[in-house]
Amino acid sequence: MTDQETVMAAGKARWLLEGGVDKLDEEERALLLALVSLEADTGRTLTDEEKEALDQIAARAGVNGAEITRAVKQMVEAETKKEHHLDWSALKARLRRK
């Protein structure tokens, strides 16, 4: 996997360790943790700096990276539900009645 194909861009771990974690909101930290953890679980080797940054994010978020990774994997691998096709004519009629 090349640097361009990874979630953690070159220098991003250093930025996170130098205070970048505080600049991310809770959702951004959780998403970054999930995506990078998923990359690691699928074979990407993280640098020591990246591991340290992820540990900081996990500690700050109060979540377990493994739990998030499992949730993301489940979402990606889950079978799709049968498509529900919307009948636009029925929707238009229902909106006109209101």
N, C-alpha and C. Protein backbone atom coordinates (compact mmCIF):
# COMPACT_ATOMS: atom_id res chain seq x y z
N MET A 1 0.84 -1.17 0.00
CA MET A 1 0.00 0.00 0.00
C MET A 1 0.89 1.23 0.00
N THR A 2 0.63 2.13 -0.92
CA THR A 2 1.45 3.33 -0.99
C THR A 2 0.93 4.38 -0.02
N ASP A 3 1.75 5.40 0.18
CA ASP A 3 1.38 6.46 1.10
C ASP A 3 0.10 7.16 0.64
N GLN A 4 -0.12 7.24 -0.67
CA GLN A 4 -1.31 7.89 -1.18
C GLN A 4 -2.56 7.05 -0.95
N GLU A 5 -2.42 5.76 -0.75
CA GLU A 5 -3.56 4.87 -0.56
C GLU A 5 -3.94 4.70 0.91
N THR A 6 -3.21 5.33 1.81
CA THR A 6 -3.48 5.17 3.23
C THR A 6 -4.30 6.34 3.76
N VAL A 7 -4.98 6.11 4.84
CA VAL A 7 -5.78 7.15 5.48
C VAL A 7 -4.86 8.17 6.14
N MET A 8 -3.81 7.67 6.78
CA MET A 8 -2.89 8.53 7.52
C MET A 8 -1.82 9.05 6.55
N ALA A 9 -1.98 10.28 6.10
CA ALA A 9 -1.03 10.89 5.18
C ALA A 9 0.31 11.10 5.87
N ALA A 10 1.35 11.21 5.06
CA ALA A 10 2.69 11.44 5.59
C ALA A 10 2.69 12.70 6.45
N GLY A 11 3.25 12.60 7.63
CA GLY A 11 3.33 13.73 8.54
C GLY A 11 2.10 13.92 9.43
N LYS A 12 1.02 13.21 9.13
CA LYS A 12 -0.22 13.38 9.90
C LYS A 12 -0.06 12.87 11.33
N ALA A 13 0.66 11.77 11.52
CA ALA A 13 0.86 11.24 12.87
C ALA A 13 1.62 12.26 13.72
N ARG A 14 2.64 12.87 13.17
CA ARG A 14 3.42 13.87 13.91
C ARG A 14 2.51 15.04 14.27
N TRP A 15 1.67 15.50 13.31
CA TRP A 15 0.74 16.60 13.56
C TRP A 15 -0.21 16.25 14.70
N LEU A 16 -0.72 15.01 14.68
CA LEU A 16 -1.63 14.58 15.74
C LEU A 16 -0.94 14.60 17.09
N LEU A 17 0.30 14.11 17.13
CA LEU A 17 1.04 14.05 18.39
C LEU A 17 1.43 15.44 18.91
N GLU A 18 1.52 16.40 18.00
CA GLU A 18 1.91 17.76 18.40
C GLU A 18 0.69 18.65 18.66
N GLY A 19 -0.44 18.04 18.94
CA GLY A 19 -1.62 18.82 19.31
C GLY A 19 -2.78 18.72 18.34
N GLY A 20 -2.60 18.04 17.24
CA GLY A 20 -3.66 17.91 16.26
C GLY A 20 -4.87 17.16 16.77
N VAL A 21 -4.65 16.25 17.71
CA VAL A 21 -5.76 15.49 18.29
C VAL A 21 -6.79 16.45 18.89
N ASP A 22 -6.31 17.52 19.50
CA ASP A 22 -7.20 18.50 20.13
C ASP A 22 -7.98 19.31 19.09
N LYS A 23 -7.49 19.36 17.87
CA LYS A 23 -8.16 20.13 16.82
C LYS A 23 -9.26 19.34 16.13
N LEU A 24 -9.29 18.03 16.37
CA LEU A 24 -10.34 17.19 15.78
C LEU A 24 -11.51 17.10 16.75
N ASP A 25 -12.72 17.06 16.19
CA ASP A 25 -13.86 16.86 17.08
C ASP A 25 -14.02 15.37 17.36
N GLU A 26 -14.95 15.03 18.22
CA GLU A 26 -15.13 13.65 18.67
C GLU A 26 -15.40 12.70 17.50
N GLU A 27 -16.23 13.13 16.57
CA GLU A 27 -16.57 12.27 15.43
C GLU A 27 -15.37 12.06 14.52
N GLU A 28 -14.59 13.11 14.30
CA GLU A 28 -13.40 12.99 13.45
C GLU A 28 -12.38 12.03 14.08
N ARG A 29 -12.21 12.14 15.40
CA ARG A 29 -11.28 11.23 16.09
C ARG A 29 -11.75 9.79 15.97
N ALA A 30 -13.04 9.55 16.17
CA ALA A 30 -13.58 8.19 16.09
C ALA A 30 -13.44 7.63 14.68
N LEU A 31 -13.73 8.46 13.67
CA LEU A 31 -13.62 8.00 12.29
C LEU A 31 -12.17 7.70 11.92
N LEU A 32 -11.26 8.58 12.29
CA LEU A 32 -9.84 8.34 12.00
C LEU A 32 -9.36 7.08 12.69
N LEU A 33 -9.74 6.90 13.93
CA LEU A 33 -9.35 5.71 14.68
C LEU A 33 -9.89 4.46 13.99
N ALA A 34 -11.14 4.51 13.57
CA ALA A 34 -11.75 3.35 12.92
C ALA A 34 -11.07 3.02 11.60
N LEU A 35 -10.84 4.01 10.78
CA LEU A 35 -10.26 3.76 9.47
C LEU A 35 -8.82 3.28 9.54
N VAL A 36 -8.03 3.90 10.38
CA VAL A 36 -6.63 3.49 10.50
C VAL A 36 -6.53 2.12 11.17
N SER A 37 -7.38 1.86 12.16
CA SER A 37 -7.41 0.54 12.80
C SER A 37 -7.79 -0.53 11.78
N LEU A 38 -8.74 -0.21 10.93
CA LEU A 38 -9.16 -1.15 9.89
C LEU A 38 -8.02 -1.42 8.92
N GLU A 39 -7.30 -0.37 8.53
CA GLU A 39 -6.13 -0.56 7.67
C GLU A 39 -5.12 -1.49 8.32
N ALA A 40 -4.87 -1.27 9.60
CA ALA A 40 -3.90 -2.10 10.32
C ALA A 40 -4.37 -3.55 10.38
N ASP A 41 -5.66 -3.75 10.60
CA ASP A 41 -6.20 -5.10 10.68
C ASP A 41 -6.20 -5.81 9.34
N THR A 42 -6.14 -5.06 8.26
CA THR A 42 -6.15 -5.67 6.94
C THR A 42 -4.76 -5.74 6.32
N GLY A 43 -3.73 -5.55 7.15
CA GLY A 43 -2.38 -5.82 6.68
C GLY A 43 -1.41 -4.67 6.61
N ARG A 44 -1.87 -3.45 6.77
CA ARG A 44 -0.95 -2.32 6.74
C ARG A 44 -0.17 -2.27 8.04
N THR A 45 1.13 -2.09 7.94
CA THR A 45 1.97 -1.97 9.12
C THR A 45 2.07 -0.51 9.51
N LEU A 46 1.65 -0.21 10.72
CA LEU A 46 1.71 1.17 11.21
C LEU A 46 3.08 1.47 11.78
N THR A 47 3.51 2.71 11.61
CA THR A 47 4.77 3.13 12.20
C THR A 47 4.56 3.32 13.71
N ASP A 48 5.65 3.39 14.44
CA ASP A 48 5.55 3.62 15.88
C ASP A 48 4.85 4.95 16.16
N GLU A 49 5.14 5.95 15.34
CA GLU A 49 4.52 7.26 15.51
C GLU A 49 3.01 7.18 15.28
N GLU A 50 2.60 6.43 14.28
CA GLU A 50 1.17 6.26 14.00
C GLU A 50 0.48 5.51 15.14
N LYS A 51 1.14 4.48 15.65
CA LYS A 51 0.58 3.73 16.78
C LYS A 51 0.39 4.63 17.99
N GLU A 52 1.38 5.47 18.24
CA GLU A 52 1.31 6.39 19.38
C GLU A 52 0.17 7.39 19.19
N ALA A 53 0.02 7.90 17.97
CA ALA A 53 -1.07 8.84 17.68
C ALA A 53 -2.42 8.16 17.86
N LEU A 54 -2.55 6.93 17.40
CA LEU A 54 -3.81 6.20 17.56
C LEU A 54 -4.11 5.94 19.04
N ASP A 55 -3.08 5.62 19.80
CA ASP A 55 -3.27 5.42 21.24
C ASP A 55 -3.78 6.70 21.90
N GLN A 56 -3.24 7.85 21.46
CA GLN A 56 -3.68 9.14 22.00
C GLN A 56 -5.14 9.40 21.64
N ILE A 57 -5.49 9.10 20.39
CA ILE A 57 -6.88 9.31 19.94
C ILE A 57 -7.82 8.40 20.73
N ALA A 58 -7.44 7.15 20.87
CA ALA A 58 -8.29 6.19 21.59
C ALA A 58 -8.47 6.60 23.04
N ALA A 59 -7.40 7.05 23.67
CA ALA A 59 -7.49 7.48 25.07
C ALA A 59 -8.38 8.70 25.20
N ARG A 60 -8.27 9.58 24.25
CA ARG A 60 -9.06 10.82 24.27
C ARG A 60 -10.53 10.54 23.98
N ALA A 61 -10.76 9.60 23.07
CA ALA A 61 -12.14 9.29 22.68
C ALA A 61 -12.82 8.39 23.69
N GLY A 62 -12.03 7.70 24.51
CA GLY A 62 -12.61 6.80 25.48
C GLY A 62 -13.24 5.58 24.83
N VAL A 63 -12.70 5.19 23.70
CA VAL A 63 -13.24 4.04 22.98
C VAL A 63 -12.14 3.03 22.71
N ASN A 64 -12.57 1.85 22.35
CA ASN A 64 -11.65 0.77 22.04
C ASN A 64 -11.55 0.66 20.53
N GLY A 65 -10.35 0.80 19.98
CA GLY A 65 -10.15 0.72 18.54
C GLY A 65 -10.65 -0.59 17.95
N ALA A 66 -10.49 -1.68 18.69
CA ALA A 66 -10.94 -2.99 18.20
C ALA A 66 -12.45 -3.01 18.06
N GLU A 67 -13.16 -2.39 18.99
CA GLU A 67 -14.62 -2.34 18.91
C GLU A 67 -15.07 -1.56 17.68
N ILE A 68 -14.42 -0.44 17.44
CA ILE A 68 -14.77 0.37 16.28
C ILE A 68 -14.47 -0.38 15.00
N THR A 69 -13.32 -1.05 14.96
CA THR A 69 -12.95 -1.81 13.78
C THR A 69 -13.96 -2.90 13.50
N ARG A 70 -14.40 -3.61 14.53
CA ARG A 70 -15.41 -4.66 14.35
C ARG A 70 -16.70 -4.07 13.80
N ALA A 71 -17.09 -2.91 14.31
CA ALA A 71 -18.32 -2.27 13.84
C ALA A 71 -18.21 -1.87 12.37
N VAL A 72 -17.05 -1.33 11.98
CA VAL A 72 -16.86 -0.93 10.59
C VAL A 72 -16.85 -2.16 9.69
N LYS A 73 -16.17 -3.22 10.11
CA LYS A 73 -16.14 -4.45 9.31
C LYS A 73 -17.55 -5.01 9.14
N GLN A 74 -18.32 -5.01 10.21
CA GLN A 74 -19.69 -5.52 10.13
C GLN A 74 -20.50 -4.70 9.14
N MET A 75 -20.33 -3.39 9.19
CA MET A 75 -21.07 -2.52 8.29
C MET A 75 -20.67 -2.79 6.83
N VAL A 76 -19.39 -2.98 6.59
CA VAL A 76 -18.90 -3.21 5.22
C VAL A 76 -19.30 -4.59 4.72
N GLU A 77 -19.25 -5.59 5.58
CA GLU A 77 -19.49 -6.97 5.15
C GLU A 77 -20.94 -7.42 5.28
N ALA A 78 -21.78 -6.62 5.89
CA ALA A 78 -23.18 -7.00 6.09
C ALA A 78 -23.90 -7.15 4.76
N GLU A 79 -24.82 -8.11 4.71
CA GLU A 79 -25.61 -8.27 3.51
C GLU A 79 -26.57 -7.09 3.39
N THR A 80 -26.76 -6.68 2.15
CA THR A 80 -27.65 -5.56 1.93
C THR A 80 -29.10 -6.01 2.06
N LYS A 81 -29.92 -5.10 2.46
CA LYS A 81 -31.35 -5.39 2.56
C LYS A 81 -31.96 -5.24 1.18
N LYS A 82 -33.08 -5.90 0.99
CA LYS A 82 -33.79 -5.80 -0.27
C LYS A 82 -34.09 -4.33 -0.55
N GLU A 83 -33.88 -3.94 -1.80
CA GLU A 83 -34.13 -2.55 -2.17
C GLU A 83 -35.60 -2.21 -2.03
N HIS A 84 -35.83 -1.03 -1.59
CA HIS A 84 -37.20 -0.53 -1.49
C HIS A 84 -37.34 0.54 -2.56
N HIS A 85 -38.16 0.26 -3.54
CA HIS A 85 -38.36 1.23 -4.62
C HIS A 85 -39.50 2.17 -4.25
N LEU A 86 -39.22 3.43 -4.38
CA LEU A 86 -40.20 4.44 -4.04
C LEU A 86 -41.09 4.71 -5.24
N ASP A 87 -42.37 4.65 -5.04
CA ASP A 87 -43.33 4.95 -6.08
C ASP A 87 -43.61 6.45 -6.01
N TRP A 88 -43.01 7.19 -6.93
CA TRP A 88 -43.12 8.64 -6.90
C TRP A 88 -44.56 9.12 -7.03
N SER A 89 -45.38 8.41 -7.79
CA SER A 89 -46.76 8.85 -7.94
C SER A 89 -47.50 8.77 -6.60
N ALA A 90 -47.23 7.73 -5.83
CA ALA A 90 -47.85 7.60 -4.51
C ALA A 90 -47.37 8.69 -3.58
N LEU A 91 -46.10 9.04 -3.66
CA LEU A 91 -45.55 10.10 -2.83
C LEU A 91 -46.18 11.44 -3.18
N LYS A 92 -46.30 11.72 -4.47
CA LYS A 92 -46.90 12.98 -4.90
C LYS A 92 -48.35 13.07 -4.41
N ALA A 93 -49.07 11.99 -4.53
CA ALA A 93 -50.48 11.98 -4.10
C ALA A 93 -50.57 12.22 -2.60
N ARG A 94 -49.68 11.59 -1.84
CA ARG A 94 -49.69 11.74 -0.39
C ARG A 94 -49.34 13.18 0.01
N LEU A 95 -48.42 13.81 -0.71
CA LEU A 95 -48.04 15.18 -0.40
C LEU A 95 -49.17 16.16 -0.75
N ARG A 96 -49.91 15.85 -1.80
CA ARG A 96 -51.02 16.74 -2.21
C ARG A 96 -52.14 16.72 -1.17
N ARG A 97 -52.31 15.58 -0.51
CA ARG A 97 -53.38 15.45 0.48
C ARG A 97 -53.11 16.27 1.74
N LYS A 98 -51.88 16.59 1.99
CA LYS A 98 -51.52 17.32 3.22
C LYS A 98 -51.88 18.76 3.15
